[in-house]
Amino acid sequence: MKRIATTVFAFGLMAASFISCDPATLEGIMSGTGTTTTKVPLTNEEVIRGLKEALNVGAKNAVSFTSKADGFNKNNLIRIPFPEEAQKVKNAAINLGLSSQVETFETTLNRAAEKAAAEAVPVFVNAITSMSIQDGFYILRGDSTAATTFLRNSTTAELKQKFSPIVQKAIDEVKLTSYWEPLTKAYNQSTIFTGNQPVNTDLNAYVTDKALSGLFYYVASEEKKIRKDPAARVTDILKRVFGNN
């Protein structure tokens, strides 16, 4: 009887110990590590710095992917096609025996985006590092591309403004308009007989939008990896922020 009472008392002490433990300590005990797993709370400064670092890493990788030879041209995920609103120009040009010009035009379109991406590194990175993120914890705990979405929504207008002259320079260097004008001229001349409306696609705006979309696609891809894969957290602040949420 005395032994039973002693056993019950021992169990009571163990139960009281578990109840008094904080959740992190209890987790360590239950996992068999025998150590606590208490995490030091993140500060707002750390969260913001971690998010900027993640976007900075993602941006550099995105530019690396897209600015290399055929980064756009042979990448089916982001390749820039013939302008959708000018698809009728493409069809008419092919019917007029200008298939090779159409192919050259599409290739050159992507070359312009590749050149623009390569030159836009400082513009893109500066836009990220100068961001002021008020709702850092919300972004941190959001979906797998919450930071990229925030970046896109808050900086696209400014990026377009800064990106446009870079794209224009690339367009001029590869003489993109020299391929575009013959196609549109041939099509527009045919509208006299077909009754279709002439087209005047703004190549600068088109390439700028598509180039930014391609960059953001890869920024989002990098963010997903950083959130999901510890191996992608290549700096201490990334490990601290994304390993703590």
C-alpha atoms as a PDB file:
ATOM      1  CA  MET A   1       0.000   0.000   0.000  1.00  0.00           C
ATOM      2  CA  LYS A   2       2.864   2.281   0.824  1.00  0.00           C
ATOM      3  CA  ARG A   3       4.523   1.464  -2.557  1.00  0.00           C
ATOM      4  CA  ILE A   4       1.312   2.319  -4.439  1.00  0.00           C
ATOM      5  CA  ALA A   5       1.028   5.652  -2.665  1.00  0.00           C
ATOM      6  CA  THR A   6       4.656   6.459  -3.529  1.00  0.00           C
ATOM      7  CA  THR A   7       4.061   5.644  -7.202  1.00  0.00           C
ATOM      8  CA  VAL A   8       0.933   7.790  -7.367  1.00  0.00           C
ATOM      9  CA  PHE A   9       2.824  10.649  -5.737  1.00  0.00           C
ATOM     10  CA  ALA A  10       5.653  10.337  -8.296  1.00  0.00           C
ATOM     11  CA  PHE A  11       3.207  10.471 -11.203  1.00  0.00           C
ATOM     12  CA  GLY A  12       1.618  13.505  -9.651  1.00  0.00           C
ATOM     13  CA  LEU A  13       4.947  15.303  -9.518  1.00  0.00           C
ATOM     14  CA  MET A  14       5.624  14.443 -13.202  1.00  0.00           C
ATOM     15  CA  ALA A  15       2.218  15.725 -14.250  1.00  0.00           C
ATOM     16  CA  ALA A  16       2.715  18.941 -12.344  1.00  0.00           C
ATOM     17  CA  SER A  17       6.088  19.395 -13.993  1.00  0.00           C
ATOM     18  CA  PHE A  18       4.603  18.995 -17.473  1.00  0.00           C
ATOM     19  CA  ILE A  19       1.772  21.397 -16.693  1.00  0.00           C
ATOM     20  CA  SER A  20       4.183  24.036 -15.453  1.00  0.00           C
ATOM     21  CA  CYS A  21       6.363  23.777 -18.578  1.00  0.00           C
ATOM     22  CA  ASP A  22       5.982  26.380 -21.285  1.00  0.00           C
ATOM     23  CA  PRO A  23       4.990  24.919 -24.704  1.00  0.00           C
ATOM     24  CA  ALA A  24       8.490  25.186 -26.155  1.00  0.00           C
ATOM     25  CA  THR A  25      10.068  23.315 -23.227  1.00  0.00           C
ATOM     26  CA  LEU A  26       7.359  20.708 -23.360  1.00  0.00           C
ATOM     27  CA  GLU A  27       7.951  20.261 -27.081  1.00  0.00           C
ATOM     28  CA  GLY A  28      11.636  19.622 -26.406  1.00  0.00           C
ATOM     29  CA  ILE A  29      10.863  17.080 -23.710  1.00  0.00           C
ATOM     30  CA  MET A  30       8.274  15.267 -25.789  1.00  0.00           C
ATOM     31  CA  SER A  31      10.595  15.126 -28.793  1.00  0.00           C
ATOM     32  CA  GLY A  32      13.182  13.377 -26.720  1.00  0.00           C
ATOM     33  CA  THR A  33      15.822  16.071 -27.155  1.00  0.00           C
ATOM     34  CA  GLY A  34      15.748  17.040 -23.522  1.00  0.00           C
ATOM     35  CA  THR A  35      16.348  20.635 -24.525  1.00  0.00           C
ATOM     36  CA  THR A  36      14.123  23.639 -24.879  1.00  0.00           C
ATOM     37  CA  THR A  37      13.147  25.044 -28.291  1.00  0.00           C
ATOM     38  CA  THR A  38      12.199  28.528 -27.134  1.00  0.00           C
ATOM     39  CA  LYS A  39      12.525  30.982 -30.047  1.00  0.00           C
ATOM     40  CA  VAL A  40      13.543  34.566 -29.493  1.00  0.00           C
ATOM     41  CA  PRO A  41      10.767  36.743 -30.963  1.00  0.00           C
ATOM     42  CA  LEU A  42      11.571  38.511 -34.214  1.00  0.00           C
ATOM     43  CA  THR A  43      11.778  42.273 -34.176  1.00  0.00           C
ATOM     44  CA  ASN A  44      10.127  44.418 -36.834  1.00  0.00           C
ATOM     45  CA  GLU A  45      13.575  45.449 -38.045  1.00  0.00           C
ATOM     46  CA  GLU A  46      14.628  41.817 -38.491  1.00  0.00           C
ATOM     47  CA  VAL A  47      11.469  40.928 -40.382  1.00  0.00           C
ATOM     48  CA  ILE A  48      11.811  43.848 -42.775  1.00  0.00           C
ATOM     49  CA  ARG A  49      15.530  43.198 -43.267  1.00  0.00           C
ATOM     50  CA  GLY A  50      14.850  39.518 -43.926  1.00  0.00           C
ATOM     51  CA  LEU A  51      12.128  40.253 -46.452  1.00  0.00           C
ATOM     52  CA  LYS A  52      14.331  42.724 -48.297  1.00  0.00           C
ATOM     53  CA  GLU A  53      17.159  40.225 -48.288  1.00  0.00           C
ATOM     54  CA  ALA A  54      14.895  37.522 -49.697  1.00  0.00           C
ATOM     55  CA  LEU A  55      13.712  39.824 -52.472  1.00  0.00           C
ATOM     56  CA  ASN A  56      17.267  40.975 -53.113  1.00  0.00           C
ATOM     57  CA  VAL A  57      18.466  37.388 -53.519  1.00  0.00           C
ATOM     58  CA  GLY A  58      15.445  36.572 -55.646  1.00  0.00           C
ATOM     59  CA  ALA A  59      15.958  39.617 -57.864  1.00  0.00           C
ATOM     60  CA  LYS A  60      19.614  38.863 -58.510  1.00  0.00           C
ATOM     61  CA  ASN A  61      18.824  35.271 -59.384  1.00  0.00           C
ATOM     62  CA  ALA A  62      15.916  36.361 -61.580  1.00  0.00           C
ATOM     63  CA  VAL A  63      18.137  38.746 -63.532  1.00  0.00           C
ATOM     64  CA  SER A  64      20.785  36.049 -63.832  1.00  0.00           C
ATOM     65  CA  PHE A  65      18.230  33.633 -65.312  1.00  0.00           C
ATOM     66  CA  THR A  66      16.646  36.081 -67.727  1.00  0.00           C
ATOM     67  CA  SER A  67      19.569  38.187 -68.935  1.00  0.00           C
ATOM     68  CA  LYS A  68      21.695  35.347 -70.255  1.00  0.00           C
ATOM     69  CA  ALA A  69      21.572  34.365 -73.925  1.00  0.00           C
ATOM     70  CA  ASP A  70      18.158  32.829 -74.643  1.00  0.00           C
ATOM     71  CA  GLY A  71      17.049  33.596 -71.093  1.00  0.00           C
ATOM     72  CA  PHE A  72      13.778  34.748 -72.607  1.00  0.00           C
ATOM     73  CA  ASN A  73      13.995  33.466 -76.152  1.00  0.00           C
ATOM     74  CA  LYS A  74      14.238  29.752 -75.355  1.00  0.00           C
ATOM     75  CA  ASN A  75      12.440  29.807 -72.025  1.00  0.00           C
ATOM     76  CA  ASN A  76       8.869  28.704 -72.621  1.00  0.00           C
ATOM     77  CA  LEU A  77       7.854  29.979 -69.194  1.00  0.00           C
ATOM     78  CA  ILE A  78       8.541  33.627 -70.003  1.00  0.00           C
ATOM     79  CA  ARG A  79       9.231  33.814 -73.763  1.00  0.00           C
ATOM     80  CA  ILE A  80       7.695  36.937 -75.284  1.00  0.00           C
ATOM     81  CA  PRO A  81       5.373  36.020 -78.161  1.00  0.00           C
ATOM     82  CA  PHE A  82       4.198  38.138 -81.053  1.00  0.00           C
ATOM     83  CA  PRO A  83       2.032  40.910 -79.559  1.00  0.00           C
ATOM     84  CA  GLU A  84      -1.383  39.405 -78.945  1.00  0.00           C
ATOM     85  CA  GLU A  85      -3.238  42.491 -80.132  1.00  0.00           C
ATOM     86  CA  ALA A  86      -1.250  42.310 -83.380  1.00  0.00           C
ATOM     87  CA  GLN A  87      -1.801  38.610 -84.015  1.00  0.00           C
ATOM     88  CA  LYS A  88      -3.679  39.535 -87.178  1.00  0.00           C
ATOM     89  CA  VAL A  89      -0.499  41.228 -88.406  1.00  0.00           C
ATOM     90  CA  LYS A  90       1.433  38.007 -87.871  1.00  0.00           C
ATOM     91  CA  ASN A  91      -1.156  35.939 -89.719  1.00  0.00           C
ATOM     92  CA  ALA A  92      -1.300  38.406 -92.605  1.00  0.00           C
ATOM     93  CA  ALA A  93       2.502  38.561 -92.810  1.00  0.00           C
ATOM     94  CA  ILE A  94       2.769  34.786 -92.998  1.00  0.00           C
ATOM     95  CA  ASN A  95       0.147  34.746 -95.746  1.00  0.00           C
ATOM     96  CA  LEU A  96       2.236  37.335 -97.599  1.00  0.00           C
ATOM     97  CA  GLY A  97       5.290  35.049 -97.440  1.00  0.00           C
ATOM     98  CA  LEU A  98       7.037  36.880 -94.592  1.00  0.00           C
ATOM     99  CA  SER A  99       7.432  33.894 -92.245  1.00  0.00           C
ATOM    100  CA  SER A 100      11.163  34.379 -91.806  1.00  0.00           C
ATOM    101  CA  GLN A 101      10.643  38.031 -90.900  1.00  0.00           C
ATOM    102  CA  VAL A 102       8.045  37.035 -88.327  1.00  0.00           C
ATOM    103  CA  GLU A 103      10.431  34.502 -86.762  1.00  0.00           C
ATOM    104  CA  THR A 104      13.266  37.033 -86.731  1.00  0.00           C
ATOM    105  CA  PHE A 105      10.977  39.608 -85.159  1.00  0.00           C
ATOM    106  CA  GLU A 106       9.933  37.301 -82.323  1.00  0.00           C
ATOM    107  CA  THR A 107      13.543  36.315 -81.624  1.00  0.00           C
ATOM    108  CA  THR A 108      14.633  39.945 -81.613  1.00  0.00           C
ATOM    109  CA  LEU A 109      11.746  40.826 -79.305  1.00  0.00           C
ATOM    110  CA  ASN A 110      13.172  38.442 -76.719  1.00  0.00           C
ATOM    111  CA  ARG A 111      16.730  39.640 -77.295  1.00  0.00           C
ATOM    112  CA  ALA A 112      15.546  43.131 -76.362  1.00  0.00           C
ATOM    113  CA  ALA A 113      14.092  41.785 -73.110  1.00  0.00           C
ATOM    114  CA  GLU A 114      17.337  39.952 -72.324  1.00  0.00           C
ATOM    115  CA  LYS A 115      19.380  43.108 -72.854  1.00  0.00           C
ATOM    116  CA  ALA A 116      16.973  45.150 -70.763  1.00  0.00           C
ATOM    117  CA  ALA A 117      17.072  42.612 -67.933  1.00  0.00           C
ATOM    118  CA  ALA A 118      20.878  42.699 -67.862  1.00  0.00           C
ATOM    119  CA  GLU A 119      21.000  46.485 -67.663  1.00  0.00           C
ATOM    120  CA  ALA A 120      18.215  46.773 -65.120  1.00  0.00           C
ATOM    121  CA  VAL A 121      20.020  45.080 -62.222  1.00  0.00           C
ATOM    122  CA  PRO A 122      20.721  48.239 -60.176  1.00  0.00           C
ATOM    123  CA  VAL A 123      17.281  49.700 -60.900  1.00  0.00           C
ATOM    124  CA  PHE A 124      15.523  46.538 -59.851  1.00  0.00           C
ATOM    125  CA  VAL A 125      17.644  45.937 -56.742  1.00  0.00           C
ATOM    126  CA  ASN A 126      17.430  49.564 -55.592  1.00  0.00           C
ATOM    127  CA  ALA A 127      13.650  49.477 -55.874  1.00  0.00           C
ATOM    128  CA  ILE A 128      13.629  46.480 -53.546  1.00  0.00           C
ATOM    129  CA  THR A 129      16.113  47.653 -50.951  1.00  0.00           C
ATOM    130  CA  SER A 130      14.497  51.086 -50.677  1.00  0.00           C
ATOM    131  CA  MET A 131      11.050  49.653 -49.922  1.00  0.00           C
ATOM    132  CA  SER A 132       9.380  50.539 -46.640  1.00  0.00           C
ATOM    133  CA  ILE A 133       7.439  47.495 -45.464  1.00  0.00           C
ATOM    134  CA  GLN A 134       4.890  48.401 -42.792  1.00  0.00           C
ATOM    135  CA  ASP A 135       3.186  45.037 -42.571  1.00  0.00           C
ATOM    136  CA  GLY A 136       6.261  42.838 -42.463  1.00  0.00           C
ATOM    137  CA  PHE A 137       4.836  40.100 -40.257  1.00  0.00           C
ATOM    138  CA  TYR A 138       1.728  39.866 -42.442  1.00  0.00           C
ATOM    139  CA  ILE A 139       3.918  39.318 -45.526  1.00  0.00           C
ATOM    140  CA  LEU A 140       6.156  36.867 -43.681  1.00  0.00           C
ATOM    141  CA  ARG A 141       3.191  34.739 -42.660  1.00  0.00           C
ATOM    142  CA  GLY A 142       1.316  35.181 -45.933  1.00  0.00           C
ATOM    143  CA  ASP A 143       1.181  32.790 -48.858  1.00  0.00           C
ATOM    144  CA  SER A 144       4.236  31.522 -50.715  1.00  0.00           C
ATOM    145  CA  THR A 145       4.580  34.658 -52.862  1.00  0.00           C
ATOM    146  CA  ALA A 146       3.240  37.328 -50.488  1.00  0.00           C
ATOM    147  CA  ALA A 147       6.458  39.369 -50.554  1.00  0.00           C
ATOM    148  CA  THR A 148       6.623  39.250 -54.356  1.00  0.00           C
ATOM    149  CA  THR A 149       2.991  40.319 -54.622  1.00  0.00           C
ATOM    150  CA  PHE A 150       3.615  43.203 -52.251  1.00  0.00           C
ATOM    151  CA  LEU A 151       6.678  44.210 -54.250  1.00  0.00           C
ATOM    152  CA  ARG A 152       4.843  44.008 -57.562  1.00  0.00           C
ATOM    153  CA  ASN A 153       1.875  46.047 -56.332  1.00  0.00           C
ATOM    154  CA  SER A 154       3.927  48.748 -54.663  1.00  0.00           C
ATOM    155  CA  THR A 155       6.734  49.224 -57.209  1.00  0.00           C
ATOM    156  CA  THR A 156       5.468  48.275 -60.676  1.00  0.00           C
ATOM    157  CA  ALA A 157       4.550  51.829 -61.675  1.00  0.00           C
ATOM    158  CA  GLU A 158       7.965  53.148 -60.649  1.00  0.00           C
ATOM    159  CA  LEU A 159       9.774  50.218 -62.228  1.00  0.00           C
ATOM    160  CA  LYS A 160       7.987  50.782 -65.515  1.00  0.00           C
ATOM    161  CA  GLN A 161       9.032  54.413 -65.497  1.00  0.00           C
ATOM    162  CA  LYS A 162      12.655  53.491 -64.861  1.00  0.00           C
ATOM    163  CA  PHE A 163      12.622  50.375 -67.018  1.00  0.00           C
ATOM    164  CA  SER A 164      11.203  52.019 -70.139  1.00  0.00           C
ATOM    165  CA  PRO A 165      14.359  53.882 -71.284  1.00  0.00           C
ATOM    166  CA  ILE A 166      16.432  50.740 -70.723  1.00  0.00           C
ATOM    167  CA  VAL A 167      14.027  48.759 -72.883  1.00  0.00           C
ATOM    168  CA  GLN A 168      14.046  51.496 -75.522  1.00  0.00           C
ATOM    169  CA  LYS A 169      17.829  51.389 -75.621  1.00  0.00           C
ATOM    170  CA  ALA A 170      17.713  47.620 -76.064  1.00  0.00           C
ATOM    171  CA  ILE A 171      15.086  47.959 -78.806  1.00  0.00           C
ATOM    172  CA  ASP A 172      17.271  50.484 -80.612  1.00  0.00           C
ATOM    173  CA  GLU A 173      20.429  48.381 -80.248  1.00  0.00           C
ATOM    174  CA  VAL A 174      18.876  45.292 -81.803  1.00  0.00           C
ATOM    175  CA  LYS A 175      16.980  47.403 -84.353  1.00  0.00           C
ATOM    176  CA  LEU A 176      13.710  45.819 -83.344  1.00  0.00           C
ATOM    177  CA  THR A 177      11.600  48.455 -85.064  1.00  0.00           C
ATOM    178  CA  SER A 178      13.316  47.637 -88.348  1.00  0.00           C
ATOM    179  CA  TYR A 179      11.542  44.248 -88.185  1.00  0.00           C
ATOM    180  CA  TRP A 180       8.309  45.612 -86.785  1.00  0.00           C
ATOM    181  CA  GLU A 181       7.730  48.400 -89.276  1.00  0.00           C
ATOM    182  CA  PRO A 182       7.820  46.242 -92.451  1.00  0.00           C
ATOM    183  CA  LEU A 183       5.323  43.825 -90.898  1.00  0.00           C
ATOM    184  CA  THR A 184       2.912  46.509 -89.773  1.00  0.00           C
ATOM    185  CA  LYS A 185       3.370  48.485 -92.986  1.00  0.00           C
ATOM    186  CA  ALA A 186       2.487  45.456 -95.110  1.00  0.00           C
ATOM    187  CA  TYR A 187      -0.512  44.707 -92.933  1.00  0.00           C
ATOM    188  CA  ASN A 188      -1.740  48.294 -92.772  1.00  0.00           C
ATOM    189  CA  GLN A 189      -1.531  48.593 -96.537  1.00  0.00           C
ATOM    190  CA  SER A 190      -3.721  45.514 -96.849  1.00  0.00           C
ATOM    191  CA  THR A 191      -6.408  47.088 -94.661  1.00  0.00           C
ATOM    192  CA  ILE A 192      -7.332  49.286 -97.617  1.00  0.00           C
ATOM    193  CA  PHE A 193      -8.774  46.175 -99.224  1.00  0.00           C
ATOM    194  CA  THR A 194      -9.780  44.169 -96.136  1.00  0.00           C
ATOM    195  CA  GLY A 195     -11.422  46.983 -94.197  1.00  0.00           C
ATOM    196  CA  ASN A 196      -9.562  45.940 -91.004  1.00  0.00           C
ATOM    197  CA  GLN A 197      -8.277  48.566 -88.579  1.00  0.00           C
ATOM    198  CA  PRO A 198      -4.566  49.441 -88.845  1.00  0.00           C
ATOM    199  CA  VAL A 199      -2.406  48.506 -85.846  1.00  0.00           C
ATOM    200  CA  ASN A 200       0.204  50.514 -84.012  1.00  0.00           C
ATOM    201  CA  THR A 201       1.486  48.404 -81.125  1.00  0.00           C
ATOM    202  CA  ASP A 202       3.719  50.228 -78.644  1.00  0.00           C
ATOM    203  CA  LEU A 203       6.715  47.909 -78.600  1.00  0.00           C
ATOM    204  CA  ASN A 204       8.367  49.684 -75.703  1.00  0.00           C
ATOM    205  CA  ALA A 205       5.367  49.216 -73.413  1.00  0.00           C
ATOM    206  CA  TYR A 206       4.877  45.658 -74.613  1.00  0.00           C
ATOM    207  CA  VAL A 207       8.479  44.563 -74.039  1.00  0.00           C
ATOM    208  CA  THR A 208       8.668  46.447 -70.734  1.00  0.00           C
ATOM    209  CA  ASP A 209       5.569  44.711 -69.371  1.00  0.00           C
ATOM    210  CA  LYS A 210       6.710  41.287 -70.526  1.00  0.00           C
ATOM    211  CA  ALA A 211      10.256  41.755 -69.264  1.00  0.00           C
ATOM    212  CA  LEU A 212       9.008  42.795 -65.824  1.00  0.00           C
ATOM    213  CA  SER A 213       6.583  39.871 -65.772  1.00  0.00           C
ATOM    214  CA  GLY A 214       9.452  37.500 -66.520  1.00  0.00           C
ATOM    215  CA  LEU A 215      11.593  38.976 -63.750  1.00  0.00           C
ATOM    216  CA  PHE A 216       8.779  38.858 -61.204  1.00  0.00           C
ATOM    217  CA  TYR A 217       8.044  35.267 -62.208  1.00  0.00           C
ATOM    218  CA  TYR A 218      11.513  34.276 -61.075  1.00  0.00           C
ATOM    219  CA  VAL A 219      11.476  36.510 -57.994  1.00  0.00           C
ATOM    220  CA  ALA A 220       8.334  34.621 -56.929  1.00  0.00           C
ATOM    221  CA  SER A 221      10.012  31.314 -57.674  1.00  0.00           C
ATOM    222  CA  GLU A 222      12.959  32.259 -55.477  1.00  0.00           C
ATOM    223  CA  GLU A 223      10.674  33.412 -52.665  1.00  0.00           C
ATOM    224  CA  LYS A 224       8.897  30.059 -52.687  1.00  0.00           C
ATOM    225  CA  LYS A 225      12.226  28.261 -52.372  1.00  0.00           C
ATOM    226  CA  ILE A 226      13.406  30.467 -49.518  1.00  0.00           C
ATOM    227  CA  ARG A 227      10.172  29.903 -47.611  1.00  0.00           C
ATOM    228  CA  LYS A 228      10.118  26.150 -48.193  1.00  0.00           C
ATOM    229  CA  ASP A 229      13.731  24.988 -48.495  1.00  0.00           C
ATOM    230  CA  PRO A 230      16.215  25.724 -45.672  1.00  0.00           C
ATOM    231  CA  ALA A 231      19.076  25.195 -48.145  1.00  0.00           C
ATOM    232  CA  ALA A 232      17.887  28.255 -50.090  1.00  0.00           C
ATOM    233  CA  ARG A 233      18.345  30.497 -47.023  1.00  0.00           C
ATOM    234  CA  VAL A 234      21.860  31.512 -47.923  1.00  0.00           C
ATOM    235  CA  THR A 235      22.401  34.252 -45.326  1.00  0.00           C
ATOM    236  CA  ASP A 236      22.056  34.425 -41.544  1.00  0.00           C
ATOM    237  CA  ILE A 237      19.138  36.863 -41.672  1.00  0.00           C
ATOM    238  CA  LEU A 238      17.230  34.587 -44.052  1.00  0.00           C
ATOM    239  CA  LYS A 239      17.775  31.645 -41.708  1.00  0.00           C
ATOM    240  CA  ARG A 240      16.700  33.742 -38.729  1.00  0.00           C
ATOM    241  CA  VAL A 241      13.538  35.198 -40.300  1.00  0.00           C
ATOM    242  CA  PHE A 242      12.274  32.347 -42.440  1.00  0.00           C
ATOM    243  CA  GLY A 243      13.329  29.635 -40.036  1.00  0.00           C
ATOM    244  CA  ASN A 244      11.459  31.312 -37.187  1.00  0.00           C
ATOM    245  CA  ASN A 245       7.968  31.661 -38.665  1.00  0.00           C
END
